[in-house]
């Protein structure tokens, strides 16, 4: 009795959802994130240039970088300078 693989339909569905642009951008981001702080400045520059070129080829605008709130030593968001009391 032959059994059908469950990977076939799942793989087909997944590949229909993810575009070539998303796949390529994901690979570049994975490489950058995997290396972390150990990534040399030259290599980081090359990978970021590849991301820019990818956006240009696929006519996708660059997304603005997410702004993160700075946290204090306790891990809580810092108070703004206007709310400090003397």
PDB file of N, CA and C in Angstrom:
ATOM      1  N   UNK A   1       0.842  -1.175   0.000  1.00  0.00           N
ATOM      2  CA  UNK A   1       0.000   0.000   0.000  1.00  0.00           C
ATOM      3  C   UNK A   1       0.895   1.250   0.000  1.00  0.00           C
ATOM      4  N   UNK A   2       0.708   2.104  -0.950  1.00  0.00           N
ATOM      5  CA  UNK A   2       1.522   3.313  -1.072  1.00  0.00           C
ATOM      6  C   UNK A   2       0.950   4.413  -0.184  1.00  0.00           C
ATOM      7  N   UNK A   3       1.842   5.131   0.476  1.00  0.00           N
ATOM      8  CA  UNK A   3       1.399   6.260   1.309  1.00  0.00           C
ATOM      9  C   UNK A   3       1.811   7.547   0.627  1.00  0.00           C
ATOM     10  N   UNK A   4       0.986   8.531   0.742  1.00  0.00           N
ATOM     11  CA  UNK A   4       1.299   9.826   0.137  1.00  0.00           C
ATOM     12  C   UNK A   4       2.077  10.678   1.125  1.00  0.00           C
ATOM     13  N   UNK A   5       3.039  11.361   0.634  1.00  0.00           N
ATOM     14  CA  UNK A   5       3.843  12.237   1.472  1.00  0.00           C
ATOM     15  C   UNK A   5       3.036  13.482   1.835  1.00  0.00           C
ATOM     16  N   UNK A   6       3.131  13.866   3.094  1.00  0.00           N
ATOM     17  CA  UNK A   6       2.435  15.080   3.538  1.00  0.00           C
ATOM     18  C   UNK A   6       3.251  16.329   3.215  1.00  0.00           C
ATOM     19  N   UNK A   7       4.531  16.144   2.903  1.00  0.00           N
ATOM     20  CA  UNK A   7       5.387  17.296   2.604  1.00  0.00           C
ATOM     21  C   UNK A   7       5.039  17.924   1.265  1.00  0.00           C
ATOM     22  N   UNK A   8       4.590  17.124   0.326  1.00  0.00           N
ATOM     23  CA  UNK A   8       4.297  17.633  -1.011  1.00  0.00           C
ATOM     24  C   UNK A   8       3.325  18.795  -1.012  1.00  0.00           C
ATOM     25  N   UNK A   9       2.106  18.613  -0.509  1.00  0.00           N
ATOM     26  CA  UNK A   9       1.139  19.712  -0.501  1.00  0.00           C
ATOM     27  C   UNK A   9       1.596  20.896   0.352  1.00  0.00           C
ATOM     28  N   UNK A  10       2.223  20.607   1.498  1.00  0.00           N
ATOM     29  CA  UNK A  10       2.674  21.693   2.368  1.00  0.00           C
ATOM     30  C   UNK A  10       3.762  22.511   1.683  1.00  0.00           C
ATOM     31  N   UNK A  11       4.674  21.827   1.023  1.00  0.00           N
ATOM     32  CA  UNK A  11       5.756  22.521   0.336  1.00  0.00           C
ATOM     33  C   UNK A  11       5.201  23.361  -0.811  1.00  0.00           C
ATOM     34  N   UNK A  12       4.255  22.811  -1.526  1.00  0.00           N
ATOM     35  CA  UNK A  12       3.654  23.522  -2.642  1.00  0.00           C
ATOM     36  C   UNK A  12       2.947  24.789  -2.152  1.00  0.00           C
ATOM     37  N   UNK A  13       2.206  24.682  -1.047  1.00  0.00           N
ATOM     38  CA  UNK A  13       1.494  25.832  -0.489  1.00  0.00           C
ATOM     39  C   UNK A  13       2.488  26.898  -0.027  1.00  0.00           C
ATOM     40  N   UNK A  14       3.562  26.460   0.654  1.00  0.00           N
ATOM     41  CA  UNK A  14       4.549  27.399   1.170  1.00  0.00           C
ATOM     42  C   UNK A  14       5.225  28.149   0.032  1.00  0.00           C
ATOM     43  N   UNK A  15       5.600  27.445  -1.015  1.00  0.00           N
ATOM     44  CA  UNK A  15       6.318  28.086  -2.107  1.00  0.00           C
ATOM     45  C   UNK A  15       5.436  29.064  -2.868  1.00  0.00           C
ATOM     46  N   UNK A  16       4.125  28.851  -2.834  1.00  0.00           N
ATOM     47  CA  UNK A  16       3.220  29.768  -3.515  1.00  0.00           C
ATOM     48  C   UNK A  16       3.084  31.070  -2.742  1.00  0.00           C
ATOM     49  N   UNK A  17       3.302  31.014  -1.433  1.00  0.00           N
ATOM     50  CA  UNK A  17       3.118  32.185  -0.582  1.00  0.00           C
ATOM     51  C   UNK A  17       4.370  33.066  -0.567  1.00  0.00           C
ATOM     52  N   UNK A  18       5.551  32.460  -0.520  1.00  0.00           N
ATOM     53  CA  UNK A  18       6.805  33.200  -0.401  1.00  0.00           C
ATOM     54  C   UNK A  18       7.334  33.536  -1.787  1.00  0.00           C
ATOM     55  N   UNK A  19       7.574  34.828  -2.019  1.00  0.00           N
ATOM     56  CA  UNK A  19       8.083  35.270  -3.312  1.00  0.00           C
ATOM     57  C   UNK A  19       9.601  35.102  -3.372  1.00  0.00           C
ATOM     58  N   UNK A  20      10.144  35.203  -4.566  1.00  0.00           N
ATOM     59  CA  UNK A  20      11.600  35.121  -4.732  1.00  0.00           C
ATOM     60  C   UNK A  20      12.281  36.263  -3.984  1.00  0.00           C
ATOM     61  N   UNK A  21      11.663  37.436  -3.985  1.00  0.00           N
ATOM     62  CA  UNK A  21      12.225  38.575  -3.262  1.00  0.00           C
ATOM     63  C   UNK A  21      12.316  38.265  -1.770  1.00  0.00           C
ATOM     64  N   UNK A  22      11.221  37.752  -1.199  1.00  0.00           N
ATOM     65  CA  UNK A  22      11.205  37.441   0.234  1.00  0.00           C
ATOM     66  C   UNK A  22      12.239  36.375   0.573  1.00  0.00           C
ATOM     67  N   UNK A  23      12.370  35.385  -0.276  1.00  0.00           N
ATOM     68  CA  UNK A  23      13.324  34.315  -0.036  1.00  0.00           C
ATOM     69  C   UNK A  23      14.755  34.847  -0.054  1.00  0.00           C
ATOM     70  N   UNK A  24      15.075  35.648  -1.042  1.00  0.00           N
ATOM     71  CA  UNK A  24      16.430  36.202  -1.150  1.00  0.00           C
ATOM     72  C   UNK A  24      16.738  37.147   0.006  1.00  0.00           C
ATOM     73  N   UNK A  25      15.767  37.992   0.359  1.00  0.00           N
ATOM     74  CA  UNK A  25      15.973  38.938   1.463  1.00  0.00           C
ATOM     75  C   UNK A  25      16.142  38.174   2.778  1.00  0.00           C
ATOM     76  N   UNK A  26      15.388  37.101   2.938  1.00  0.00           N
ATOM     77  CA  UNK A  26      15.488  36.279   4.141  1.00  0.00           C
ATOM     78  C   UNK A  26      16.872  35.662   4.265  1.00  0.00           C
ATOM     79  N   UNK A  27      17.425  35.193   3.156  1.00  0.00           N
ATOM     80  CA  UNK A  27      18.764  34.603   3.193  1.00  0.00           C
ATOM     81  C   UNK A  27      19.814  35.645   3.582  1.00  0.00           C
ATOM     82  N   UNK A  28      19.693  36.840   3.043  1.00  0.00           N
ATOM     83  CA  UNK A  28      20.651  37.894   3.382  1.00  0.00           C
ATOM     84  C   UNK A  28      20.538  38.278   4.857  1.00  0.00           C
ATOM     85  N   UNK A  29      19.318  38.435   5.342  1.00  0.00           N
ATOM     86  CA  UNK A  29      19.122  38.779   6.754  1.00  0.00           C
ATOM     87  C   UNK A  29      19.611  37.667   7.668  1.00  0.00           C
ATOM     88  N   UNK A  30      19.391  36.422   7.274  1.00  0.00           N
ATOM     89  CA  UNK A  30      19.875  35.292   8.064  1.00  0.00           C
ATOM     90  C   UNK A  30      21.389  35.353   8.193  1.00  0.00           C
ATOM     91  N   UNK A  31      22.071  35.614   7.097  1.00  0.00           N
ATOM     92  CA  UNK A  31      23.536  35.689   7.116  1.00  0.00           C
ATOM     93  C   UNK A  31      24.013  36.819   8.035  1.00  0.00           C
ATOM     94  N   UNK A  32      23.355  37.967   7.956  1.00  0.00           N
ATOM     95  CA  UNK A  32      23.731  39.106   8.802  1.00  0.00           C
ATOM     96  C   UNK A  32      23.479  38.787  10.272  1.00  0.00           C
ATOM     97  N   UNK A  33      22.302  38.236  10.578  1.00  0.00           N
ATOM     98  CA  UNK A  33      21.945  37.949  11.968  1.00  0.00           C
ATOM     99  C   UNK A  33      22.764  36.800  12.552  1.00  0.00           C
ATOM    100  N   UNK A  34      23.090  35.807  11.734  1.00  0.00           N
ATOM    101  CA  UNK A  34      23.851  34.650  12.206  1.00  0.00           C
ATOM    102  C   UNK A  34      25.242  35.068  12.653  1.00  0.00           C
ATOM    103  N   UNK A  35      25.848  35.982  11.909  1.00  0.00           N
ATOM    104  CA  UNK A  35      27.200  36.421  12.232  1.00  0.00           C
ATOM    105  C   UNK A  35      27.214  37.357  13.442  1.00  0.00           C
ATOM    106  N   UNK A  36      26.148  38.116  13.627  1.00  0.00           N
ATOM    107  CA  UNK A  36      26.058  39.007  14.779  1.00  0.00           C
ATOM    108  C   UNK A  36      27.165  40.045  14.787  1.00  0.00           C
ATOM    109  N   UNK A  37      27.732  40.264  15.970  1.00  0.00           N
ATOM    110  CA  UNK A  37      28.778  41.272  16.117  1.00  0.00           C
ATOM    111  C   UNK A  37      30.092  40.832  15.487  1.00  0.00           C
ATOM    112  N   UNK A  38      30.224  39.544  15.177  1.00  0.00           N
ATOM    113  CA  UNK A  38      31.447  39.027  14.579  1.00  0.00           C
ATOM    114  C   UNK A  38      31.569  39.331  13.089  1.00  0.00           C
ATOM    115  N   UNK A  39      30.526  39.905  12.496  1.00  0.00           N
ATOM    116  CA  UNK A  39      30.542  40.224  11.072  1.00  0.00           C
ATOM    117  C   UNK A  39      31.408  41.461  10.844  1.00  0.00           C
ATOM    118  N   UNK A  40      32.373  41.338   9.949  1.00  0.00           N
ATOM    119  CA  UNK A  40      33.263  42.470   9.694  1.00  0.00           C
ATOM    120  C   UNK A  40      32.485  43.605   9.017  1.00  0.00           C
ATOM    121  N   UNK A  41      32.996  44.797   9.151  1.00  0.00           N
ATOM    122  CA  UNK A  41      32.336  45.966   8.566  1.00  0.00           C
ATOM    123  C   UNK A  41      32.253  45.833   7.049  1.00  0.00           C
ATOM    124  N   UNK A  42      33.306  45.302   6.438  1.00  0.00           N
ATOM    125  CA  UNK A  42      33.307  45.131   4.981  1.00  0.00           C
ATOM    126  C   UNK A  42      32.235  44.137   4.541  1.00  0.00           C
ATOM    127  N   UNK A  43      32.140  43.022   5.255  1.00  0.00           N
ATOM    128  CA  UNK A  43      31.155  41.994   4.892  1.00  0.00           C
ATOM    129  C   UNK A  43      29.735  42.517   5.109  1.00  0.00           C
ATOM    130  N   UNK A  44      29.514  43.248   6.219  1.00  0.00           N
ATOM    131  CA  UNK A  44      28.199  43.828   6.488  1.00  0.00           C
ATOM    132  C   UNK A  44      27.817  44.817   5.380  1.00  0.00           C
ATOM    133  N   UNK A  45      28.797  45.614   4.941  1.00  0.00           N
ATOM    134  CA  UNK A  45      28.551  46.578   3.874  1.00  0.00           C
ATOM    135  C   UNK A  45      28.165  45.865   2.581  1.00  0.00           C
ATOM    136  N   UNK A  46      28.881  44.791   2.248  1.00  0.00           N
ATOM    137  CA  UNK A  46      28.588  44.029   1.026  1.00  0.00           C
ATOM    138  C   UNK A  46      27.177  43.430   1.092  1.00  0.00           C
ATOM    139  N   UNK A  47      26.815  42.848   2.243  1.00  0.00           N
ATOM    140  CA  UNK A  47      25.487  42.242   2.373  1.00  0.00           C
ATOM    141  C   UNK A  47      24.384  43.297   2.317  1.00  0.00           C
ATOM    142  N   UNK A  48      24.621  44.452   2.935  1.00  0.00           N
ATOM    143  CA  UNK A  48      23.615  45.525   2.876  1.00  0.00           C
ATOM    144  C   UNK A  48      23.497  46.093   1.463  1.00  0.00           C
ATOM    145  N   UNK A  49      24.609  46.152   0.733  1.00  0.00           N
ATOM    146  CA  UNK A  49      24.549  46.581  -0.664  1.00  0.00           C
ATOM    147  C   UNK A  49      23.765  45.578  -1.502  1.00  0.00           C
ATOM    148  N   UNK A  50      23.927  44.292  -1.191  1.00  0.00           N
ATOM    149  CA  UNK A  50      23.169  43.255  -1.897  1.00  0.00           C
ATOM    150  C   UNK A  50      21.678  43.421  -1.625  1.00  0.00           C
ATOM    151  N   UNK A  51      21.311  43.771  -0.397  1.00  0.00           N
ATOM    152  CA  UNK A  51      19.903  44.004  -0.074  1.00  0.00           C
ATOM    153  C   UNK A  51      19.366  45.211  -0.843  1.00  0.00           C
ATOM    154  N   UNK A  52      20.169  46.262  -0.940  1.00  0.00           N
ATOM    155  CA  UNK A  52      19.753  47.450  -1.701  1.00  0.00           C
ATOM    156  C   UNK A  52      19.565  47.112  -3.174  1.00  0.00           C
ATOM    157  N   UNK A  53      20.503  46.342  -3.722  1.00  0.00           N
ATOM    158  CA  UNK A  53      20.406  45.929  -5.121  1.00  0.00           C
ATOM    159  C   UNK A  53      19.171  45.053  -5.350  1.00  0.00           C
ATOM    160  N   UNK A  54      18.894  44.187  -4.410  1.00  0.00           N
ATOM    161  CA  UNK A  54      17.713  43.325  -4.498  1.00  0.00           C
ATOM    162  C   UNK A  54      16.436  44.161  -4.519  1.00  0.00           C
ATOM    163  N   UNK A  55      16.369  45.167  -3.645  1.00  0.00           N
ATOM    164  CA  UNK A  55      15.198  46.061  -3.631  1.00  0.00           C
ATOM    165  C   UNK A  55      15.067  46.799  -4.962  1.00  0.00           C
ATOM    166  N   UNK A  56      16.203  47.215  -5.519  1.00  0.00           N
ATOM    167  CA  UNK A  56      16.174  47.941  -6.786  1.00  0.00           C
ATOM    168  C   UNK A  56      15.674  47.039  -7.910  1.00  0.00           C
ATOM    169  N   UNK A  57      16.192  45.814  -7.982  1.00  0.00           N
ATOM    170  CA  UNK A  57      15.820  44.879  -9.045  1.00  0.00           C
ATOM    171  C   UNK A  57      14.336  44.526  -8.979  1.00  0.00           C
ATOM    172  N   UNK A  58      13.818  44.348  -7.762  1.00  0.00           N
ATOM    173  CA  UNK A  58      12.416  43.984  -7.598  1.00  0.00           C
ATOM    174  C   UNK A  58      11.508  45.202  -7.416  1.00  0.00           C
ATOM    175  N   UNK A  59      12.061  46.397  -7.557  1.00  0.00           N
ATOM    176  CA  UNK A  59      11.315  47.657  -7.431  1.00  0.00           C
ATOM    177  C   UNK A  59      10.559  47.736  -6.108  1.00  0.00           C
ATOM    178  N   UNK A  60      11.259  47.451  -5.036  1.00  0.00           N
ATOM    179  CA  UNK A  60      10.666  47.528  -3.700  1.00  0.00           C
ATOM    180  C   UNK A  60      11.323  48.678  -2.948  1.00  0.00           C
ATOM    181  N   UNK A  61      10.536  49.528  -2.289  1.00  0.00           N
ATOM    182  CA  UNK A  61      11.133  50.619  -1.515  1.00  0.00           C
ATOM    183  C   UNK A  61      11.761  50.083  -0.227  1.00  0.00           C
ATOM    184  N   UNK A  62      12.761  50.769   0.242  1.00  0.00           N
ATOM    185  CA  UNK A  62      13.394  50.389   1.499  1.00  0.00           C
ATOM    186  C   UNK A  62      12.473  50.769   2.647  1.00  0.00           C
ATOM    187  N   UNK A  63      12.340  49.868   3.606  1.00  0.00           N
ATOM    188  CA  UNK A  63      11.521  50.167   4.777  1.00  0.00           C
ATOM    189  C   UNK A  63      12.376  50.953   5.755  1.00  0.00           C
ATOM    190  N   UNK A  64      11.796  51.949   6.427  1.00  0.00           N
ATOM    191  CA  UNK A  64      12.583  52.686   7.419  1.00  0.00           C
ATOM    192  C   UNK A  64      12.943  51.766   8.581  1.00  0.00           C
ATOM    193  N   UNK A  65      14.094  51.999   9.159  1.00  0.00           N
ATOM    194  CA  UNK A  65      14.542  51.179  10.279  1.00  0.00           C
ATOM    195  C   UNK A  65      13.613  51.379  11.462  1.00  0.00           C
ATOM    196  N   UNK A  66      13.334  50.306  12.168  1.00  0.00           N
ATOM    197  CA  UNK A  66      12.474  50.398  13.350  1.00  0.00           C
ATOM    198  C   UNK A  66      13.225  51.122  14.446  1.00  0.00           C
ATOM    199  N   UNK A  67      12.552  52.042  15.092  1.00  0.00           N
ATOM    200  CA  UNK A  67      13.179  52.781  16.186  1.00  0.00           C
ATOM    201  C   UNK A  67      12.847  52.079  17.483  1.00  0.00           C
ATOM    202  N   UNK A  68      13.860  51.741  18.217  1.00  0.00           N
ATOM    203  CA  UNK A  68      13.673  51.066  19.492  1.00  0.00           C
ATOM    204  C   UNK A  68      13.846  52.062  20.621  1.00  0.00           C
ATOM    205  N   UNK A  69      13.016  51.910  21.638  1.00  0.00           N
ATOM    206  CA  UNK A  69      13.153  52.776  22.809  1.00  0.00           C
ATOM    207  C   UNK A  69      14.349  52.298  23.624  1.00  0.00           C
ATOM    208  N   UNK A  70      15.129  53.245  24.080  1.00  0.00           N
ATOM    209  CA  UNK A  70      16.264  52.900  24.923  1.00  0.00           C
ATOM    210  C   UNK A  70      15.745  52.487  26.283  1.00  0.00           C
ATOM    211  N   UNK A  71      16.431  51.513  26.895  1.00  0.00           N
ATOM    212  CA  UNK A  71      16.011  51.012  28.197  1.00  0.00           C
ATOM    213  C   UNK A  71      17.084  51.297  29.227  1.00  0.00           C
ATOM    214  N   UNK A  72      16.640  51.432  30.481  1.00  0.00           N
ATOM    215  CA  UNK A  72      17.591  51.672  31.551  1.00  0.00           C
ATOM    216  C   UNK A  72      18.144  50.332  32.049  1.00  0.00           C
ATOM    217  N   UNK A  73      18.945  50.355  33.099  1.00  0.00           N
ATOM    218  CA  UNK A  73      19.597  49.148  33.602  1.00  0.00           C
ATOM    219  C   UNK A  73      18.585  48.106  34.072  1.00  0.00           C
ATOM    220  N   UNK A  74      17.410  48.534  34.497  1.00  0.00           N
ATOM    221  CA  UNK A  74      16.387  47.607  34.978  1.00  0.00           C
ATOM    222  C   UNK A  74      15.599  46.990  33.820  1.00  0.00           C
ATOM    223  N   UNK A  75      15.897  47.398  32.595  1.00  0.00           N
ATOM    224  CA  UNK A  75      15.201  46.856  31.443  1.00  0.00           C
ATOM    225  C   UNK A  75      13.888  47.556  31.140  1.00  0.00           C
ATOM    226  N   UNK A  76      13.662  48.693  31.787  1.00  0.00           N
ATOM    227  CA  UNK A  76      12.435  49.459  31.568  1.00  0.00           C
ATOM    228  C   UNK A  76      12.719  50.622  30.624  1.00  0.00           C
ATOM    229  N   UNK A  77      11.723  51.072  29.864  1.00  0.00           N
ATOM    230  CA  UNK A  77      11.943  52.233  28.989  1.00  0.00           C
ATOM    231  C   UNK A  77      12.365  53.447  29.809  1.00  0.00           C
ATOM    232  N   UNK A  78      13.296  54.191  29.257  1.00  0.00           N
ATOM    233  CA  UNK A  78      13.767  55.406  29.951  1.00  0.00           C
ATOM    234  C   UNK A  78      12.691  56.465  29.976  1.00  0.00           C
ATOM    235  N   UNK A  79      12.727  57.254  31.015  1.00  0.00           N
ATOM    236  CA  UNK A  79      11.820  58.398  31.095  1.00  0.00           C
ATOM    237  C   UNK A  79      12.377  59.497  30.200  1.00  0.00           C
ATOM    238  N   UNK A  80      11.470  60.287  29.645  1.00  0.00           N
ATOM    239  CA  UNK A  80      11.943  61.409  28.838  1.00  0.00           C
ATOM    240  C   UNK A  80      12.492  62.474  29.781  1.00  0.00           C
ATOM    241  N   UNK A  81      13.352  63.344  29.279  1.00  0.00           N
ATOM    242  CA  UNK A  81      13.978  64.375  30.101  1.00  0.00           C
ATOM    243  C   UNK A  81      12.975  65.371  30.625  1.00  0.00           C
ATOM    244  N   UNK A  82      11.822  65.473  30.008  1.00  0.00           N
ATOM    245  CA  UNK A  82      10.822  66.439  30.456  1.00  0.00           C
ATOM    246  C   UNK A  82      10.097  65.971  31.720  1.00  0.00           C
ATOM    247  N   UNK A  83      10.071  64.684  32.023  1.00  0.00           N
ATOM    248  CA  UNK A  83       9.332  64.186  33.165  1.00  0.00           C
ATOM    249  C   UNK A  83      10.191  64.056  34.416  1.00  0.00           C
ATOM    250  N   UNK A  84      11.483  64.351  34.329  1.00  0.00           N
ATOM    251  CA  UNK A  84      12.350  64.237  35.506  1.00  0.00           C
ATOM    252  C   UNK A  84      12.044  65.358  36.490  1.00  0.00           C
ATOM    253  N   UNK A  85      12.105  65.014  37.776  1.00  0.00           N
ATOM    254  CA  UNK A  85      11.857  66.029  38.800  1.00  0.00           C
ATOM    255  C   UNK A  85      13.168  66.373  39.488  1.00  0.00           C
ATOM    256  N   UNK A  86      13.273  67.575  39.991  1.00  0.00           N
ATOM    257  CA  UNK A  86      14.518  68.027  40.611  1.00  0.00           C
ATOM    258  C   UNK A  86      14.595  67.673  42.056  1.00  0.00           C
TER     259      UNK A  86
END
